[in-house]
């Protein structure tokens, strides 16, 4: 802005200098000649207000700290956790082995300031024993769940609720929320097993809140 104003003033000065130049011969003016009207002064440039400009450098993306272990001692759950994404068909990707849980890596992690940390595992699978998350249904309100992250920090939660949801009405947006109060969401399958589809009718969802 300041450079533009300086250039404008310089240009105006050049115009004024050129207006004072002639052929070098003085023009005589007869006393009887009517006086020439005064020339209209050239207007000055409109003052320019300096406007502060915000830095264009974007805020660096936060580096998540993934959970690596989940323990619910009251029901005998103690299992490793690995990052997972979304598989074909839009379902949350899960480790094949029911003894390994998956953390939804596109959502919150235990160190996030808000949002739900979602950890899920199969209840069972062919050629594998029944998984530890089959016991999520036995969690009681107030039971503690401990999550260890990749930085070896421990995060403790208190169970708030355990709910059976028919898969068709699972509140996905609510459970996978990236904003709002911090919570731990544990998910597995439950209810009746449909041999024709190879799937259970329900999802068992345990929700826990951080213990300060």
Protein backbone atom coordinates (compact mmCIF):
# COMPACT_ATOMS: atom_id res chain seq x y z
CA UNK A 1 0.00 0.00 0.00
CA UNK A 2 2.77 2.49 1.02
CA UNK A 3 4.75 1.75 -2.17
CA UNK A 4 1.65 2.46 -4.30
CA UNK A 5 1.18 5.83 -2.56
CA UNK A 6 4.85 6.74 -3.12
CA UNK A 7 4.57 5.87 -6.82
CA UNK A 8 1.43 7.98 -7.14
CA UNK A 9 3.11 10.99 -5.54
CA UNK A 10 6.19 10.56 -7.76
CA UNK A 11 4.00 10.45 -10.86
CA UNK A 12 2.25 13.64 -9.74
CA UNK A 13 5.60 15.40 -9.29
CA UNK A 14 6.63 14.43 -12.84
CA UNK A 15 3.37 15.85 -14.22
CA UNK A 16 3.92 19.17 -12.39
CA UNK A 17 7.51 19.50 -13.70
CA UNK A 18 6.43 18.82 -17.29
CA UNK A 19 3.66 21.45 -16.98
CA UNK A 20 6.32 24.11 -16.28
CA UNK A 21 8.27 23.36 -19.47
CA UNK A 22 7.72 25.30 -22.76
CA UNK A 23 9.37 26.26 -26.04
CA UNK A 24 11.79 28.62 -24.30
CA UNK A 25 10.11 31.75 -25.78
CA UNK A 26 8.18 34.02 -23.46
CA UNK A 27 4.65 34.78 -24.59
CA UNK A 28 3.76 38.47 -24.41
CA UNK A 29 0.42 39.36 -23.01
CA UNK A 30 -1.35 42.51 -24.14
CA UNK A 31 -2.50 44.76 -21.30
CA UNK A 32 -5.88 44.84 -22.95
CA UNK A 33 -6.16 41.08 -22.97
CA UNK A 34 -8.49 39.70 -20.30
CA UNK A 35 -6.66 37.86 -17.57
CA UNK A 36 -6.54 34.15 -17.98
CA UNK A 37 -8.55 32.16 -15.43
CA UNK A 38 -6.43 30.44 -12.85
CA UNK A 39 -5.68 26.81 -13.70
CA UNK A 40 -7.59 24.23 -11.65
CA UNK A 41 -5.11 22.59 -9.27
CA UNK A 42 -4.43 18.92 -9.88
CA UNK A 43 -6.07 16.91 -7.10
CA UNK A 44 -3.81 14.94 -4.81
CA UNK A 45 -4.22 11.17 -4.54
CA UNK A 46 -6.71 9.92 -1.99
CA UNK A 47 -4.87 8.88 1.19
CA UNK A 48 -4.44 5.14 1.48
CA UNK A 49 -5.10 3.36 4.79
CA UNK A 50 -2.63 0.66 5.71
CA UNK A 51 -4.42 -2.68 6.23
CA UNK A 52 -2.58 -5.37 8.21
CA UNK A 53 -2.29 -8.66 6.34
CA UNK A 54 -2.51 -11.97 8.22
CA UNK A 55 0.24 -14.50 7.68
CA UNK A 56 -0.55 -16.97 4.90
CA UNK A 57 1.20 -19.88 6.61
CA UNK A 58 -1.44 -22.50 7.59
CA UNK A 59 -1.59 -23.88 11.11
CA UNK A 60 0.36 -27.15 11.23
CA UNK A 61 -1.83 -30.25 11.41
CA UNK A 62 -1.92 -31.92 14.81
CA UNK A 63 -0.09 -35.25 15.01
CA UNK A 64 -2.32 -37.89 16.62
CA UNK A 65 -1.06 -40.20 19.35
CA UNK A 66 -2.69 -43.59 18.66
CA UNK A 67 -3.81 -45.94 21.42
CA UNK A 68 -1.83 -49.17 21.57
CA UNK A 69 -3.57 -51.08 24.40
CA UNK A 70 -7.00 -51.22 26.01
CA UNK A 71 -7.69 -52.86 29.38
CA UNK A 72 -11.03 -53.38 31.14
CA UNK A 73 -9.87 -55.38 34.15
CA UNK A 74 -13.37 -55.93 35.58
CA UNK A 75 -14.32 -58.13 32.60
CA UNK A 76 -10.90 -59.56 31.74
CA UNK A 77 -10.20 -57.45 28.64
CA UNK A 78 -6.54 -56.79 27.89
CA UNK A 79 -5.64 -56.47 24.24
CA UNK A 80 -3.41 -54.59 21.79
CA UNK A 81 -4.84 -51.87 19.58
CA UNK A 82 -3.76 -51.01 16.02
CA UNK A 83 -4.82 -48.12 13.72
CA UNK A 84 -7.50 -48.96 11.15
CA UNK A 85 -9.46 -47.11 8.48
CA UNK A 86 -12.49 -47.89 6.32
CA UNK A 87 -12.88 -51.01 4.23
CA UNK A 88 -14.77 -51.42 0.96
CA UNK A 89 -18.49 -51.03 1.56
CA UNK A 90 -18.05 -48.28 4.12
CA UNK A 91 -17.55 -50.48 7.17
CA UNK A 92 -14.92 -49.75 9.77
CA UNK A 93 -11.87 -51.87 9.02
CA UNK A 94 -11.03 -54.35 11.80
CA UNK A 95 -8.17 -56.78 12.46
CA UNK A 96 -9.17 -60.33 11.52
CA UNK A 97 -8.04 -61.67 14.89
CA UNK A 98 -10.67 -60.87 17.56
CA UNK A 99 -7.86 -60.65 20.12
CA UNK A 100 -6.65 -57.43 18.44
CA UNK A 101 -8.70 -54.23 18.51
CA UNK A 102 -8.72 -51.46 15.93
CA UNK A 103 -8.61 -47.71 16.60
CA UNK A 104 -10.45 -45.55 14.04
CA UNK A 105 -7.53 -43.41 12.88
CA UNK A 106 -9.67 -40.78 11.14
CA UNK A 107 -11.26 -39.77 14.44
CA UNK A 108 -10.04 -38.57 17.83
CA UNK A 109 -7.26 -40.19 19.82
CA UNK A 110 -6.79 -40.31 23.62
CA UNK A 111 -4.85 -37.03 23.60
CA UNK A 112 -7.39 -35.10 21.51
CA UNK A 113 -8.99 -32.06 23.10
CA UNK A 114 -12.46 -33.21 22.02
CA UNK A 115 -14.29 -35.92 20.10
CA UNK A 116 -14.72 -39.67 20.54
CA UNK A 117 -11.87 -42.17 20.54
CA UNK A 118 -13.39 -45.24 18.84
CA UNK A 119 -11.93 -48.71 19.42
CA UNK A 120 -13.60 -51.78 17.99
CA UNK A 121 -12.97 -55.51 17.57
CA UNK A 122 -14.68 -58.60 16.22
CA UNK A 123 -16.56 -60.66 18.76
CA UNK A 124 -15.33 -63.84 17.02
CA UNK A 125 -13.95 -65.03 13.69
CA UNK A 126 -13.35 -68.36 11.89
CA UNK A 127 -10.24 -70.18 13.12
CA UNK A 128 -9.99 -67.88 16.15
CA UNK A 129 -11.26 -68.15 19.73
CA UNK A 130 -14.02 -65.89 21.00
CA UNK A 131 -12.54 -62.41 21.38
CA UNK A 132 -12.15 -60.39 24.60
CA UNK A 133 -14.65 -57.76 23.42
CA UNK A 134 -17.38 -60.41 23.70
CA UNK A 135 -17.35 -59.41 27.38
CA UNK A 136 -18.14 -55.74 26.78
CA UNK A 137 -21.77 -56.58 27.54
CA UNK A 138 -20.74 -57.42 31.10
CA UNK A 139 -19.30 -53.98 31.84
CA UNK A 140 -21.15 -52.12 34.58
CA UNK A 141 -21.59 -48.40 35.02
CA UNK A 142 -18.58 -47.03 36.87
CA UNK A 143 -16.16 -49.77 35.78
CA UNK A 144 -12.80 -48.42 34.68
CA UNK A 145 -11.19 -48.80 31.26
CA UNK A 146 -7.50 -47.98 30.78
CA UNK A 147 -6.03 -46.99 27.43
CA UNK A 148 -2.29 -46.69 26.84
CA UNK A 149 -1.11 -44.55 23.94
CA UNK A 150 1.97 -44.76 21.73
CA UNK A 151 3.80 -42.30 24.00
CA UNK A 152 3.31 -44.72 26.93
CA UNK A 153 0.84 -42.35 28.61
CA UNK A 154 -2.12 -43.94 30.44
CA UNK A 155 -5.67 -42.65 30.04
CA UNK A 156 -8.37 -43.82 32.44
CA UNK A 157 -12.11 -43.80 31.71
CA UNK A 158 -15.27 -44.61 33.65
CA UNK A 159 -17.99 -46.62 31.93
CA UNK A 160 -21.11 -44.54 31.43
CA UNK A 161 -23.34 -46.94 29.51
CA UNK A 162 -23.51 -50.23 27.60
CA UNK A 163 -26.13 -50.35 24.83
CA UNK A 164 -27.28 -52.87 22.22
CA UNK A 165 -28.08 -51.17 18.89
CA UNK A 166 -29.62 -52.96 15.89
CA UNK A 167 -27.04 -52.46 13.14
CA UNK A 168 -29.56 -50.61 10.97
CA UNK A 169 -30.02 -47.86 13.58
CA UNK A 170 -26.49 -47.55 14.95
CA UNK A 171 -26.00 -43.78 15.60
CA UNK A 172 -22.79 -43.59 13.57
CA UNK A 173 -22.55 -39.78 13.47
CA UNK A 174 -22.92 -39.57 17.23
CA UNK A 175 -20.50 -42.39 18.04
CA UNK A 176 -17.81 -41.24 15.62
CA UNK A 177 -18.12 -37.53 16.45
CA UNK A 178 -14.90 -35.55 16.05
CA UNK A 179 -16.20 -32.64 18.14
CA UNK A 180 -17.86 -32.31 21.51
CA UNK A 181 -16.99 -33.82 24.87
CA UNK A 182 -14.16 -36.35 24.93
CA UNK A 183 -15.32 -39.97 25.27
CA UNK A 184 -14.08 -43.50 24.71
CA UNK A 185 -16.35 -45.64 22.51
CA UNK A 186 -15.86 -49.43 22.46
CA UNK A 187 -17.79 -51.37 19.82
CA UNK A 188 -18.26 -55.04 18.96
CA UNK A 189 -21.02 -57.27 17.62
CA UNK A 190 -23.79 -58.93 19.60
CA UNK A 191 -27.35 -60.16 19.54
CA UNK A 192 -28.61 -62.94 17.29
CA UNK A 193 -26.28 -64.40 14.66
CA UNK A 194 -27.57 -64.61 11.07
CA UNK A 195 -25.86 -67.59 9.41
CA UNK A 196 -27.09 -66.51 5.96
CA UNK A 197 -25.15 -63.22 6.13
CA UNK A 198 -22.48 -64.25 8.61
CA UNK A 199 -23.27 -61.21 10.73
CA UNK A 200 -24.74 -60.47 14.13
CA UNK A 201 -27.96 -58.47 14.36
CA UNK A 202 -26.69 -55.89 16.83
CA UNK A 203 -23.70 -53.84 17.90
CA UNK A 204 -22.71 -53.68 21.56
CA UNK A 205 -21.49 -50.17 22.40
CA UNK A 206 -19.79 -49.20 25.65
CA UNK A 207 -19.27 -45.50 26.24
CA UNK A 208 -16.85 -44.24 28.89
CA UNK A 209 -15.85 -40.74 30.02
CA UNK A 210 -12.35 -39.61 31.01
CA UNK A 211 -11.45 -39.68 34.69
CA UNK A 212 -9.61 -36.43 35.56
